[in-house]
C-alpha atoms as a PDB file:
ATOM      1  CA  MET A   1       0.000   0.000   0.000  1.00  0.00           C
ATOM      2  CA  PHE A   2       2.808   2.392   0.879  1.00  0.00           C
ATOM      3  CA  SER A   3       5.342   0.941  -1.545  1.00  0.00           C
ATOM      4  CA  TYR A   4       5.675   4.287  -3.348  1.00  0.00           C
ATOM      5  CA  LEU A   5       7.150   6.056  -0.320  1.00  0.00           C
ATOM      6  CA  PRO A   6      10.742   4.858  -0.792  1.00  0.00           C
ATOM      7  CA  GLN A   7      10.652   5.941  -4.435  1.00  0.00           C
ATOM      8  CA  MET A   8       9.395   9.405  -3.426  1.00  0.00           C
ATOM      9  CA  SER A   9      12.124   9.618  -0.807  1.00  0.00           C
ATOM     10  CA  ASP A  10      14.757   8.630  -3.345  1.00  0.00           C
ATOM     11  CA  LEU A  11      13.435  11.248  -5.783  1.00  0.00           C
ATOM     12  CA  THR A  12      13.590  13.963  -3.120  1.00  0.00           C
ATOM     13  CA  LYS A  13      17.116  12.935  -2.201  1.00  0.00           C
ATOM     14  CA  PHE A  14      18.125  12.948  -5.866  1.00  0.00           C
ATOM     15  CA  MET A  15      16.738  16.486  -6.318  1.00  0.00           C
ATOM     16  CA  GLN A  16      18.491  17.678  -3.170  1.00  0.00           C
ATOM     17  CA  ASN A  17      21.782  16.186  -4.345  1.00  0.00           C
ATOM     18  CA  ASN A  18      21.340  18.032  -7.646  1.00  0.00           C
ATOM     19  CA  ASN A  19      19.693  21.086  -6.180  1.00  0.00           C
ATOM     20  CA  ARG A  20      21.472  23.629  -8.385  1.00  0.00           C
ATOM     21  CA  ILE A  21      19.526  22.325 -11.362  1.00  0.00           C
ATOM     22  CA  PHE A  22      16.204  21.619  -9.675  1.00  0.00           C
ATOM     23  CA  VAL A  23      16.181  24.905  -7.758  1.00  0.00           C
ATOM     24  CA  LEU A  24      16.234  26.748 -11.085  1.00  0.00           C
ATOM     25  CA  ILE A  25      13.519  24.536 -12.587  1.00  0.00           C
ATOM     26  CA  PHE A  26      11.082  24.732  -9.668  1.00  0.00           C
ATOM     27  CA  SER A  27      11.827  28.385  -8.887  1.00  0.00           C
ATOM     28  CA  VAL A  28      11.045  29.452 -12.443  1.00  0.00           C
ATOM     29  CA  ALA A  29       7.835  27.373 -12.358  1.00  0.00           C
ATOM     30  CA  VAL A  30       6.738  29.038  -9.111  1.00  0.00           C
ATOM     31  CA  ALA A  31       7.650  32.473 -10.497  1.00  0.00           C
ATOM     32  CA  VAL A  32       5.577  31.924 -13.655  1.00  0.00           C
ATOM     33  CA  LEU A  33       2.564  30.866 -11.570  1.00  0.00           C
ATOM     34  CA  LEU A  34       2.809  33.927  -9.309  1.00  0.00           C
ATOM     35  CA  ILE A  35       3.323  36.285 -12.262  1.00  0.00           C
ATOM     36  CA  TYR A  36       0.246  34.911 -14.011  1.00  0.00           C
ATOM     37  CA  LEU A  37      -1.866  35.188 -10.850  1.00  0.00           C
ATOM     38  CA  SER A  38      -0.626  38.768 -10.397  1.00  0.00           C
ATOM     39  CA  LEU A  39      -2.684  39.688 -13.472  1.00  0.00           C
ATOM     40  CA  PHE A  40      -5.689  39.273 -11.160  1.00  0.00           C
ATOM     41  CA  ILE A  41      -4.123  40.019  -7.724  1.00  0.00           C
ATOM     42  CA  GLY A  42      -1.316  42.490  -8.317  1.00  0.00           C
ATOM     43  CA  PHE A  43       0.744  42.095  -5.134  1.00  0.00           C
ATOM     44  CA  LEU A  44       1.382  38.389  -5.778  1.00  0.00           C
ATOM     45  CA  ILE A  45       4.295  39.244  -8.061  1.00  0.00           C
ATOM     46  CA  TYR A  46       6.196  40.440  -4.978  1.00  0.00           C
ATOM     47  CA  LEU A  47       5.962  36.901  -3.552  1.00  0.00           C
ATOM     48  CA  VAL A  48       8.332  35.610  -6.246  1.00  0.00           C
ATOM     49  CA  PRO A  49      11.389  35.968  -3.938  1.00  0.00           C
ATOM     50  CA  VAL A  50       9.467  34.191  -1.160  1.00  0.00           C
ATOM     51  CA  GLY A  51       8.645  31.304  -3.484  1.00  0.00           C
ATOM     52  CA  VAL A  52      12.277  31.031  -4.585  1.00  0.00           C
ATOM     53  CA  PHE A  53      13.419  31.014  -0.948  1.00  0.00           C
ATOM     54  CA  ILE A  54      10.985  28.198  -0.062  1.00  0.00           C
ATOM     55  CA  VAL A  55      12.172  26.104  -3.018  1.00  0.00           C
ATOM     56  CA  MET A  56      15.800  26.553  -1.958  1.00  0.00           C
ATOM     57  CA  HIS A  57      14.956  25.646   1.623  1.00  0.00           C
ATOM     58  CA  TYR A  58      13.112  22.475   0.575  1.00  0.00           C
ATOM     59  CA  LEU A  59      15.941  21.400  -1.728  1.00  0.00           C
ATOM     60  CA  LYS A  60      18.538  22.202   0.968  1.00  0.00           C
ATOM     61  CA  MET A  61      20.488  24.898  -0.773  1.00  0.00           C
ATOM     62  CA  TRP A  62      21.872  26.384   2.437  1.00  0.00           C
ATOM     63  CA  LYS A  63      24.947  28.412   1.483  1.00  0.00           C
ATOM     64  CA  LEU A  64      24.281  32.122   1.148  1.00  0.00           C
ATOM     65  CA  VAL A  65      26.396  32.936  -1.914  1.00  0.00           C
ATOM     66  CA  PRO A  66      24.979  30.122  -4.133  1.00  0.00           C
ATOM     67  CA  ARG A  67      21.512  31.154  -2.949  1.00  0.00           C
ATOM     68  CA  ILE A  68      21.987  34.772  -4.000  1.00  0.00           C
ATOM     69  CA  LEU A  69      23.587  33.868  -7.338  1.00  0.00           C
ATOM     70  CA  GLY A  70      20.891  31.318  -8.125  1.00  0.00           C
ATOM     71  CA  ALA A  71      18.135  33.723  -7.102  1.00  0.00           C
ATOM     72  CA  THR A  72      19.567  36.454  -9.340  1.00  0.00           C
ATOM     73  CA  VAL A  73      19.394  34.140 -12.358  1.00  0.00           C
ATOM     74  CA  VAL A  74      15.826  33.150 -11.477  1.00  0.00           C
ATOM     75  CA  PHE A  75      14.769  36.782 -11.013  1.00  0.00           C
ATOM     76  CA  PHE A  76      16.129  37.785 -14.422  1.00  0.00           C
ATOM     77  CA  VAL A  77      14.295  34.901 -16.085  1.00  0.00           C
ATOM     78  CA  ALA A  78      11.166  35.849 -14.107  1.00  0.00           C
ATOM     79  CA  VAL A  79      11.295  39.453 -15.323  1.00  0.00           C
ATOM     80  CA  VAL A  80      11.652  38.323 -18.941  1.00  0.00           C
ATOM     81  CA  LEU A  81       8.706  35.948 -18.548  1.00  0.00           C
ATOM     82  CA  ALA A  82       6.693  38.679 -16.798  1.00  0.00           C
ATOM     83  CA  SER A  83       7.286  40.963 -19.791  1.00  0.00           C
ATOM     84  CA  VAL A  84       5.972  38.250 -22.121  1.00  0.00           C
ATOM     85  CA  ILE A  85       2.937  37.463 -19.949  1.00  0.00           C
ATOM     86  CA  PHE A  86       2.034  41.115 -19.384  1.00  0.00           C
ATOM     87  CA  GLY A  87       2.681  41.948 -23.037  1.00  0.00           C
ATOM     88  CA  TYR A  88       0.279  39.323 -24.369  1.00  0.00           C
ATOM     89  CA  ALA A  89      -2.285  40.217 -21.695  1.00  0.00           C
ATOM     90  CA  LEU A  90      -2.219  43.876 -22.718  1.00  0.00           C
ATOM     91  CA  TYR A  91      -2.307  43.105 -26.443  1.00  0.00           C
ATOM     92  CA  ASP A  92      -5.374  40.902 -25.957  1.00  0.00           C
ATOM     93  CA  SER A  93      -7.152  43.499 -23.797  1.00  0.00           C
ATOM     94  CA  SER A  94      -9.330  46.456 -24.748  1.00  0.00           C
ATOM     95  CA  GLY A  95      -6.690  48.926 -23.595  1.00  0.00           C
ATOM     96  CA  VAL A  96      -9.142  50.731 -21.310  1.00  0.00           C
ATOM     97  CA  SER A  97      -7.611  52.105 -18.114  1.00  0.00           C
ATOM     98  CA  GLY A  98      -9.344  53.739 -15.142  1.00  0.00           C
ATOM     99  CA  GLN A  99      -7.922  55.813 -12.307  1.00  0.00           C
ATOM    100  CA  SER A 100      -9.429  57.537  -9.261  1.00  0.00           C
ATOM    101  CA  LEU A 101      -7.818  60.777  -8.123  1.00  0.00           C
ATOM    102  CA  SER A 102      -7.636  62.492  -4.753  1.00  0.00           C
ATOM    103  CA  ASN A 103      -9.651  65.473  -6.025  1.00  0.00           C
ATOM    104  CA  GLY A 104     -12.740  63.272  -6.464  1.00  0.00           C
ATOM    105  CA  SER A 105     -12.351  62.662 -10.188  1.00  0.00           C
ATOM    106  CA  THR A 106     -12.476  59.230 -11.804  1.00  0.00           C
ATOM    107  CA  VAL A 107     -10.965  59.136 -15.292  1.00  0.00           C
ATOM    108  CA  ILE A 108     -11.318  56.269 -17.772  1.00  0.00           C
ATOM    109  CA  ALA A 109      -8.899  56.487 -20.714  1.00  0.00           C
ATOM    110  CA  SER A 110      -9.310  54.584 -23.973  1.00  0.00           C
ATOM    111  CA  VAL A 111      -8.315  54.671 -27.619  1.00  0.00           C
ATOM    112  CA  GLU A 112     -10.195  53.155 -30.558  1.00  0.00           C
ATOM    113  CA  PRO A 113      -9.014  51.088 -32.333  1.00  0.00           C
ATOM    114  CA  PHE A 114      -6.479  49.699 -29.897  1.00  0.00           C
ATOM    115  CA  THR A 115      -4.480  47.011 -31.736  1.00  0.00           C
ATOM    116  CA  HIS A 116      -4.983  47.382 -35.472  1.00  0.00           C
ATOM    117  CA  GLU A 117      -4.324  49.905 -38.205  1.00  0.00           C
ATOM    118  CA  ALA A 118      -6.977  52.486 -39.079  1.00  0.00           C
ATOM    119  CA  SER A 119      -7.234  55.855 -40.795  1.00  0.00           C
ATOM    120  CA  GLU A 120      -8.010  57.602 -37.511  1.00  0.00           C
ATOM    121  CA  TYR A 121      -7.710  56.933 -33.788  1.00  0.00           C
ATOM    122  CA  ASN A 122     -10.075  58.304 -31.173  1.00  0.00           C
ATOM    123  CA  PHE A 123      -8.509  59.084 -27.788  1.00  0.00           C
ATOM    124  CA  THR A 124     -11.188  59.539 -25.125  1.00  0.00           C
ATOM    125  CA  PHE A 125     -11.170  60.445 -21.439  1.00  0.00           C
ATOM    126  CA  ALA A 126     -14.450  59.870 -19.572  1.00  0.00           C
ATOM    127  CA  ILE A 127     -14.546  61.849 -16.317  1.00  0.00           C
ATOM    128  CA  THR A 128     -17.019  61.319 -13.493  1.00  0.00           C
ATOM    129  CA  GLY A 129     -17.141  62.806 -10.005  1.00  0.00           C
ATOM    130  CA  ASN A 130     -15.343  66.124  -9.829  1.00  0.00           C
ATOM    131  CA  GLN A 131     -15.393  67.515 -13.385  1.00  0.00           C
ATOM    132  CA  THR A 132     -13.744  70.857 -12.584  1.00  0.00           C
ATOM    133  CA  LEU A 133     -10.532  70.637 -14.587  1.00  0.00           C
ATOM    134  CA  TYR A 134      -9.381  74.238 -15.118  1.00  0.00           C
ATOM    135  CA  THR A 135      -6.848  74.021 -17.977  1.00  0.00           C
ATOM    136  CA  TYR A 136      -6.077  70.712 -19.652  1.00  0.00           C
ATOM    137  CA  TYR A 137      -4.291  69.241 -22.673  1.00  0.00           C
ATOM    138  CA  VAL A 138      -3.359  65.873 -24.232  1.00  0.00           C
ATOM    139  CA  THR A 139       0.011  64.514 -25.357  1.00  0.00           C
ATOM    140  CA  VAL A 140       0.495  61.504 -27.656  1.00  0.00           C
ATOM    141  CA  VAL A 141       3.972  59.935 -27.829  1.00  0.00           C
ATOM    142  CA  GLY A 142       5.369  57.197 -30.079  1.00  0.00           C
ATOM    143  CA  ILE A 143       7.655  55.018 -27.969  1.00  0.00           C
ATOM    144  CA  SER A 144      10.007  53.913 -30.738  1.00  0.00           C
ATOM    145  CA  ASN A 145       9.300  56.152 -33.744  1.00  0.00           C
ATOM    146  CA  GLY A 146       9.926  59.595 -32.251  1.00  0.00           C
ATOM    147  CA  TYR A 147       6.345  60.812 -32.756  1.00  0.00           C
ATOM    148  CA  LYS A 148       5.032  63.437 -30.326  1.00  0.00           C
ATOM    149  CA  ALA A 149       1.981  65.658 -30.464  1.00  0.00           C
ATOM    150  CA  ASN A 150       0.718  68.159 -27.898  1.00  0.00           C
ATOM    151  CA  ILE A 151      -2.984  68.859 -28.286  1.00  0.00           C
ATOM    152  CA  SER A 152      -4.216  72.023 -26.608  1.00  0.00           C
ATOM    153  CA  GLU A 153      -7.581  72.469 -24.924  1.00  0.00           C
ATOM    154  CA  ALA A 154      -8.903  74.356 -27.952  1.00  0.00           C
ATOM    155  CA  ASP A 155      -8.338  71.323 -30.204  1.00  0.00           C
ATOM    156  CA  LEU A 156     -10.091  68.838 -27.903  1.00  0.00           C
ATOM    157  CA  LEU A 157     -13.737  67.856 -28.260  1.00  0.00           C
ATOM    158  CA  THR A 158     -15.877  68.121 -25.110  1.00  0.00           C
ATOM    159  CA  THR A 159     -19.308  66.601 -24.524  1.00  0.00           C
ATOM    160  CA  HIS A 160     -21.344  64.598 -21.988  1.00  0.00           C
ATOM    161  CA  ASN A 161     -22.683  61.072 -22.421  1.00  0.00           C
ATOM    162  CA  ALA A 162     -26.069  59.748 -21.313  1.00  0.00           C
ATOM    163  CA  THR A 163     -24.818  59.020 -17.778  1.00  0.00           C
ATOM    164  CA  GLY A 164     -23.493  62.541 -17.271  1.00  0.00           C
ATOM    165  CA  ALA A 165     -19.803  61.691 -17.639  1.00  0.00           C
ATOM    166  CA  LEU A 166     -17.670  64.420 -19.162  1.00  0.00           C
ATOM    167  CA  LEU A 167     -16.053  63.166 -22.381  1.00  0.00           C
ATOM    168  CA  ILE A 168     -12.881  64.807 -23.646  1.00  0.00           C
ATOM    169  CA  SER A 169     -11.642  63.352 -26.919  1.00  0.00           C
ATOM    170  CA  TYR A 170      -9.116  63.827 -29.679  1.00  0.00           C
ATOM    171  CA  ILE A 171      -9.138  62.226 -33.119  1.00  0.00           C
ATOM    172  CA  SER A 172      -5.714  61.655 -34.672  1.00  0.00           C
ATOM    173  CA  THR A 173      -5.290  60.993 -38.400  1.00  0.00           C
ATOM    174  CA  ASN A 174      -1.508  61.005 -38.685  1.00  0.00           C
ATOM    175  CA  LEU A 175      -0.271  58.102 -36.549  1.00  0.00           C
ATOM    176  CA  THR A 176       2.214  55.751 -38.191  1.00  0.00           C
ATOM    177  CA  PRO A 177       1.079  52.138 -37.580  1.00  0.00           C
ATOM    178  CA  THR A 178       4.330  50.963 -36.005  1.00  0.00           C
ATOM    179  CA  GLY A 179       5.408  50.132 -32.478  1.00  0.00           C
ATOM    180  CA  VAL A 180       3.585  51.363 -29.380  1.00  0.00           C
ATOM    181  CA  TYR A 181       2.094  54.711 -28.456  1.00  0.00           C
ATOM    182  CA  GLU A 182       1.391  56.252 -25.083  1.00  0.00           C
ATOM    183  CA  TYR A 183      -0.979  59.119 -24.396  1.00  0.00           C
ATOM    184  CA  TYR A 184      -1.302  61.500 -21.453  1.00  0.00           C
ATOM    185  CA  PHE A 185      -4.055  63.746 -20.160  1.00  0.00           C
ATOM    186  CA  PHE A 186      -2.844  66.713 -18.109  1.00  0.00           C
ATOM    187  CA  PHE A 187      -5.242  68.916 -16.155  1.00  0.00           C
ATOM    188  CA  ASP A 188      -5.462  71.150 -13.084  1.00  0.00           C
ATOM    189  CA  ASN A 189      -2.866  73.433 -14.673  1.00  0.00           C
ATOM    190  CA  GLY A 190      -0.701  70.420 -15.516  1.00  0.00           C
ATOM    191  CA  THR A 191      -0.412  69.184 -11.919  1.00  0.00           C
ATOM    192  CA  SER A 192      -2.573  66.063 -12.481  1.00  0.00           C
ATOM    193  CA  GLU A 193      -1.767  63.404 -15.064  1.00  0.00           C
ATOM    194  CA  ILE A 194      -3.497  60.346 -16.490  1.00  0.00           C
ATOM    195  CA  SER A 195      -1.460  58.046 -18.753  1.00  0.00           C
ATOM    196  CA  ASN A 196      -2.294  54.991 -20.805  1.00  0.00           C
ATOM    197  CA  VAL A 197      -0.837  52.798 -23.560  1.00  0.00           C
ATOM    198  CA  GLY A 198      -2.183  52.636 -27.098  1.00  0.00           C
ATOM    199  CA  PRO A 199      -2.634  52.163 -29.874  1.00  0.00           C
ATOM    200  CA  VAL A 200      -0.281  49.196 -30.237  1.00  0.00           C
ATOM    201  CA  PHE A 201       0.702  47.459 -33.448  1.00  0.00           C
ATOM    202  CA  SER A 202       2.995  44.650 -32.304  1.00  0.00           C
ATOM    203  CA  VAL A 203       2.990  42.358 -29.281  1.00  0.00           C
ATOM    204  CA  GLY A 204       6.788  42.197 -29.594  1.00  0.00           C
ATOM    205  CA  ALA A 205       7.000  45.957 -29.153  1.00  0.00           C
ATOM    206  CA  ILE A 206       4.902  45.736 -25.982  1.00  0.00           C
ATOM    207  CA  ILE A 207       7.127  42.980 -24.581  1.00  0.00           C
ATOM    208  CA  GLU A 208      10.185  45.112 -25.307  1.00  0.00           C
ATOM    209  CA  LEU A 209       8.526  48.076 -23.609  1.00  0.00           C
ATOM    210  CA  TYR A 210       7.705  46.019 -20.511  1.00  0.00           C
ATOM    211  CA  LEU A 211      11.189  44.519 -20.446  1.00  0.00           C
ATOM    212  CA  LEU A 212      12.844  47.930 -20.425  1.00  0.00           C
ATOM    213  CA  ASP A 213      10.372  49.245 -17.884  1.00  0.00           C
ATOM    214  CA  LEU A 214      10.208  46.297 -15.461  1.00  0.00           C
ATOM    215  CA  THR A 215      13.767  44.960 -15.362  1.00  0.00           C
ATOM    216  CA  PRO A 216      15.535  47.572 -13.187  1.00  0.00           C
ATOM    217  CA  GLY A 217      12.779  48.023 -10.609  1.00  0.00           C
ATOM    218  CA  PHE A 218      11.767  44.391 -10.183  1.00  0.00           C
ATOM    219  CA  MET A 219      15.329  43.071 -10.155  1.00  0.00           C
ATOM    220  CA  ILE A 220      16.265  45.440  -7.336  1.00  0.00           C
ATOM    221  CA  THR A 221      13.037  44.770  -5.426  1.00  0.00           C
ATOM    222  CA  PHE A 222      13.307  40.986  -5.752  1.00  0.00           C
ATOM    223  CA  GLU A 223      16.963  41.008  -4.665  1.00  0.00           C
ATOM    224  CA  LEU A 224      16.252  43.175  -1.621  1.00  0.00           C
ATOM    225  CA  ILE A 225      13.317  41.033  -0.487  1.00  0.00           C
ATOM    226  CA  PHE A 226      15.328  37.841  -0.968  1.00  0.00           C
ATOM    227  CA  VAL A 227      18.528  39.025   0.724  1.00  0.00           C
ATOM    228  CA  VAL A 228      16.682  40.507   3.704  1.00  0.00           C
ATOM    229  CA  GLY A 229      14.638  37.322   4.053  1.00  0.00           C
ATOM    230  CA  ALA A 230      17.760  35.144   3.813  1.00  0.00           C
ATOM    231  CA  PHE A 231      19.554  37.090   6.541  1.00  0.00           C
ATOM    232  CA  ILE A 232      16.482  37.048   8.781  1.00  0.00           C
ATOM    233  CA  ALA A 233      16.117  33.289   8.302  1.00  0.00           C
ATOM    234  CA  ARG A 234      19.808  32.743   9.036  1.00  0.00           C
ATOM    235  CA  SER A 235      19.559  34.874  12.182  1.00  0.00           C
ATOM    236  CA  ILE A 236      16.521  32.914  13.382  1.00  0.00           C
ATOM    237  CA  SER A 237      18.269  29.623  12.640  1.00  0.00           C
ATOM    238  CA  ASN A 238      21.418  30.648  14.512  1.00  0.00           C
ATOM    239  CA  SER A 239      19.388  31.870  17.485  1.00  0.00           C
ATOM    240  CA  ALA A 240      17.448  28.613  17.601  1.00  0.00           C
ATOM    241  CA  ALA A 241      20.679  26.593  17.488  1.00  0.00           C
ATOM    242  CA  MET A 242      22.211  28.624  20.320  1.00  0.00           C
ATOM    243  CA  ARG A 243      19.044  28.299  22.392  1.00  0.00           C
ATOM    244  CA  LYS A 244      19.016  24.552  21.828  1.00  0.00           C
ATOM    245  CA  ARG A 245      22.618  24.249  22.974  1.00  0.00           C
ATOM    246  CA  TYR A 246      21.839  26.360  26.047  1.00  0.00           C
ATOM    247  CA  LEU A 247      18.773  24.331  27.025  1.00  0.00           C
ATOM    248  CA  ASN A 248      20.355  21.006  26.197  1.00  0.00           C
ATOM    249  CA  PRO A 249      24.030  21.260  27.061  1.00  0.00           C
ATOM    250  CA  PRO A 250      26.189  18.282  26.129  1.00  0.00           C
ATOM    251  CA  PRO A 251      26.821  15.793  28.953  1.00  0.00           C
ATOM    252  CA  PRO A 252      30.029  16.374  30.868  1.00  0.00           C
ATOM    253  CA  SER A 253      33.026  14.350  29.786  1.00  0.00           C
ATOM    254  CA  PRO A 254      33.826  11.408  32.081  1.00  0.00           C
ATOM    255  CA  PRO A 255      36.763  12.024  34.390  1.00  0.00           C
ATOM    256  CA  GLN A 256      40.085  10.877  33.072  1.00  0.00           C
ATOM    257  CA  PRO A 257      42.030   8.348  35.176  1.00  0.00           C
ATOM    258  CA  ASP A 258      44.860   9.849  37.146  1.00  0.00           C
ATOM    259  CA  GLN A 259      48.157   9.659  35.395  1.00  0.00           C
ATOM    260  CA  VAL A 260      50.958   8.043  37.382  1.00  0.00           C
ATOM    261  CA  LEU A 261      54.033  10.154  37.555  1.00  0.00           C
ATOM    262  CA  GLU A 262      57.380   8.475  37.253  1.00  0.00           C
ATOM    263  CA  GLY A 263      58.378   9.350  40.814  1.00  0.00           C
ATOM    264  CA  ASP A 264      55.114   7.998  42.236  1.00  0.00           C
ATOM    265  CA  ASN A 265      55.430   4.542  40.702  1.00  0.00           C
ATOM    266  CA  PRO A 266      56.079   2.176  43.549  1.00  0.00           C
ATOM    267  CA  ASP A 267      57.953  -0.085  41.194  1.00  0.00           C
ATOM    268  CA  THR A 268      60.320   2.692  40.237  1.00  0.00           C
ATOM    269  CA  PRO A 269      63.544   2.588  42.231  1.00  0.00           C
ATOM    270  CA  LYS A 270      64.207   5.750  44.197  1.00  0.00           C
END
């Protein structure tokens, strides 16, 4: 009934004996799972270093330097995979982005069409809540083709929809269908900003954009979380070992038999 247990034990021992390989395999698998779930629960991506640490602990990679070097490799692979996952997720989305501001405004930004070529592109900002904007303007930037356009308030269309939301829109007819664009809505005399991505014409361009944007920040964050966690775990382990030695001191050594000095040997002539 339990005949599989020895085989499982042998497999675990084999993975622990070859932990440098299996740590990378399982750590990357855990990282991919957490990155995918972070599409729905954002903070989960910051658990990647925790997952890597648990894998290393289970596979008995104890030494600090191999841990840090191995984790660095895993984190770089994780950032590349995150760029791919996020890139495809964005390309398959509608490109609509919403943001609530401290002044009571809620702004939903969108561009139509989002992922394919057209003769014109409609950038729209739907504003609910506080609709007092003072001065405002829109900027459209091409990430890789050098395009930039600043659209003043006078060139923006303003209306209200059936629900009372304030719609501010701009129709562009001169966008080159290459790469990725970003657009910004500045208001309150330029002190408030809403930004969004689109239109996009290549999933590869989005992945490249994410890779350039995510790599520095996430690499540093992952490394800090991992190193701090590793030092805390080592400190706890050392404290536990010292406490164990204090509470359970080793038994005293048995007394050694007295050594007979040459002058005390009764058989030695004096």
